[in-house]
Amino acid sequence: MKQYSKLRITEKDQNIYNALCDLYKEKGGKVGIGPTEIGIRVGRDSYDASAYCNASLKKLIHFEKIEKIDNGKYIPLEIGKEE
């Protein structure tokens, strides 16, 4: 099993987080966002959009910035705290 001794949020992770937040706000904050939607928002093609985001999404869950909900969708946690 991998050990992340220098685990940190990178620019890619931050871009994915920002895309998730934007999509979540656009949908009224009522539904989760899938990794394919997030990947497309950051400029990936639909065939690899989900794969591009997966590692970053796991890392963002580890840092408690997002939460995975039903059906593989994600929601940002910090937006809920701001409202």
C-alpha atoms as a PDB file:
ATOM      1  CA  MET A   1       0.000   0.000   0.000  1.00  0.00           C
ATOM      2  CA  LYS A   2       1.276   3.457  -0.891  1.00  0.00           C
ATOM      3  CA  GLN A   3       2.308   5.802   1.862  1.00  0.00           C
ATOM      4  CA  TYR A   4       2.033   9.512   1.224  1.00  0.00           C
ATOM      5  CA  SER A   5       4.661  11.185   3.344  1.00  0.00           C
ATOM      6  CA  LYS A   6       4.440  14.483   1.467  1.00  0.00           C
ATOM      7  CA  LEU A   7       0.752  14.509   0.625  1.00  0.00           C
ATOM      8  CA  ARG A   8      -0.386  17.973  -0.346  1.00  0.00           C
ATOM      9  CA  ILE A   9      -2.924  19.656  -2.560  1.00  0.00           C
ATOM     10  CA  THR A  10      -1.437  20.480  -5.958  1.00  0.00           C
ATOM     11  CA  GLU A  11      -2.540  23.013  -8.559  1.00  0.00           C
ATOM     12  CA  LYS A  12      -4.340  20.206 -10.440  1.00  0.00           C
ATOM     13  CA  ASP A  13      -6.215  19.219  -7.257  1.00  0.00           C
ATOM     14  CA  GLN A  14      -7.184  22.844  -6.641  1.00  0.00           C
ATOM     15  CA  ASN A  15      -8.455  23.233 -10.222  1.00  0.00           C
ATOM     16  CA  ILE A  16     -10.579  20.104  -9.820  1.00  0.00           C
ATOM     17  CA  TYR A  17     -11.910  21.368  -6.487  1.00  0.00           C
ATOM     18  CA  ASN A  18     -12.772  24.756  -8.037  1.00  0.00           C
ATOM     19  CA  ALA A  19     -14.560  23.047 -10.935  1.00  0.00           C
ATOM     20  CA  LEU A  20     -16.558  20.918  -8.478  1.00  0.00           C
ATOM     21  CA  CYS A  21     -17.555  23.992  -6.482  1.00  0.00           C
ATOM     22  CA  ASP A  22     -18.612  25.890  -9.619  1.00  0.00           C
ATOM     23  CA  LEU A  23     -20.694  22.984 -10.934  1.00  0.00           C
ATOM     24  CA  TYR A  24     -22.264  22.454  -7.512  1.00  0.00           C
ATOM     25  CA  LYS A  25     -23.296  26.125  -7.313  1.00  0.00           C
ATOM     26  CA  GLU A  26     -24.651  26.062 -10.886  1.00  0.00           C
ATOM     27  CA  LYS A  27     -26.887  23.098 -10.023  1.00  0.00           C
ATOM     28  CA  GLY A  28     -28.276  24.865  -6.998  1.00  0.00           C
ATOM     29  CA  GLY A  29     -26.325  22.893  -4.415  1.00  0.00           C
ATOM     30  CA  LYS A  30     -28.849  20.065  -4.389  1.00  0.00           C
ATOM     31  CA  VAL A  31     -27.139  17.302  -6.349  1.00  0.00           C
ATOM     32  CA  GLY A  32     -23.698  15.742  -6.407  1.00  0.00           C
ATOM     33  CA  ILE A  33     -21.347  16.099  -9.342  1.00  0.00           C
ATOM     34  CA  GLY A  34     -19.788  13.167 -11.185  1.00  0.00           C
ATOM     35  CA  PRO A  35     -16.083  12.926 -11.998  1.00  0.00           C
ATOM     36  CA  THR A  36     -16.753  13.000 -15.749  1.00  0.00           C
ATOM     37  CA  GLU A  37     -18.521  16.362 -15.448  1.00  0.00           C
ATOM     38  CA  ILE A  38     -15.666  17.716 -13.356  1.00  0.00           C
ATOM     39  CA  GLY A  39     -13.038  16.480 -15.820  1.00  0.00           C
ATOM     40  CA  ILE A  40     -14.845  18.011 -18.763  1.00  0.00           C
ATOM     41  CA  ARG A  41     -15.055  21.316 -16.864  1.00  0.00           C
ATOM     42  CA  VAL A  42     -11.269  21.371 -16.438  1.00  0.00           C
ATOM     43  CA  GLY A  43     -10.754  20.775 -20.159  1.00  0.00           C
ATOM     44  CA  ARG A  44     -10.407  17.010 -20.568  1.00  0.00           C
ATOM     45  CA  ASP A  45     -12.114  14.962 -23.273  1.00  0.00           C
ATOM     46  CA  SER A  46     -15.094  12.903 -22.156  1.00  0.00           C
ATOM     47  CA  TYR A  47     -13.262   9.574 -22.666  1.00  0.00           C
ATOM     48  CA  ASP A  48     -10.603  10.316 -20.029  1.00  0.00           C
ATOM     49  CA  ALA A  49     -12.262  13.008 -17.908  1.00  0.00           C
ATOM     50  CA  SER A  50     -13.194  10.676 -15.063  1.00  0.00           C
ATOM     51  CA  ALA A  51      -9.815   8.949 -14.886  1.00  0.00           C
ATOM     52  CA  TYR A  52      -8.046  12.328 -14.840  1.00  0.00           C
ATOM     53  CA  CYS A  53      -9.949  13.348 -11.692  1.00  0.00           C
ATOM     54  CA  ASN A  54      -9.993  10.162  -9.611  1.00  0.00           C
ATOM     55  CA  ALA A  55      -6.657  10.505  -7.770  1.00  0.00           C
ATOM     56  CA  SER A  56      -7.322  14.161  -7.006  1.00  0.00           C
ATOM     57  CA  LEU A  57     -10.829  13.417  -5.753  1.00  0.00           C
ATOM     58  CA  LYS A  58      -9.476  10.766  -3.377  1.00  0.00           C
ATOM     59  CA  LYS A  59      -6.894  13.242  -2.111  1.00  0.00           C
ATOM     60  CA  LEU A  60      -9.546  15.934  -1.607  1.00  0.00           C
ATOM     61  CA  ILE A  61     -11.623  13.452   0.407  1.00  0.00           C
ATOM     62  CA  HIS A  62      -8.532  12.732   2.534  1.00  0.00           C
ATOM     63  CA  PHE A  63      -8.162  16.474   3.248  1.00  0.00           C
ATOM     64  CA  GLU A  64     -11.906  16.687   4.042  1.00  0.00           C
ATOM     65  CA  LYS A  65     -12.598  19.238   1.318  1.00  0.00           C
ATOM     66  CA  ILE A  66     -15.189  17.072  -0.459  1.00  0.00           C
ATOM     67  CA  GLU A  67     -17.454  14.146   0.310  1.00  0.00           C
ATOM     68  CA  LYS A  68     -18.465  11.199  -1.861  1.00  0.00           C
ATOM     69  CA  ILE A  69     -22.203  10.621  -1.826  1.00  0.00           C
ATOM     70  CA  ASP A  70     -24.495   8.085  -3.490  1.00  0.00           C
ATOM     71  CA  ASN A  71     -23.870   6.885  -7.037  1.00  0.00           C
ATOM     72  CA  GLY A  72     -20.251   8.051  -7.192  1.00  0.00           C
ATOM     73  CA  LYS A  73     -21.071  11.740  -7.004  1.00  0.00           C
ATOM     74  CA  TYR A  74     -19.171  14.345  -5.012  1.00  0.00           C
ATOM     75  CA  ILE A  75     -20.078  17.484  -3.090  1.00  0.00           C
ATOM     76  CA  PRO A  76     -17.798  20.169  -1.675  1.00  0.00           C
ATOM     77  CA  LEU A  77     -17.922  20.384   2.126  1.00  0.00           C
ATOM     78  CA  GLU A  78     -16.669  23.929   2.623  1.00  0.00           C
ATOM     79  CA  ILE A  79     -19.371  25.574   0.521  1.00  0.00           C
ATOM     80  CA  GLY A  80     -22.001  24.278   2.921  1.00  0.00           C
ATOM     81  CA  LYS A  81     -20.145  25.877   5.838  1.00  0.00           C
ATOM     82  CA  GLU A  82     -20.039  29.283   4.138  1.00  0.00           C
ATOM     83  CA  GLU A  83     -23.804  29.501   3.593  1.00  0.00           C
END
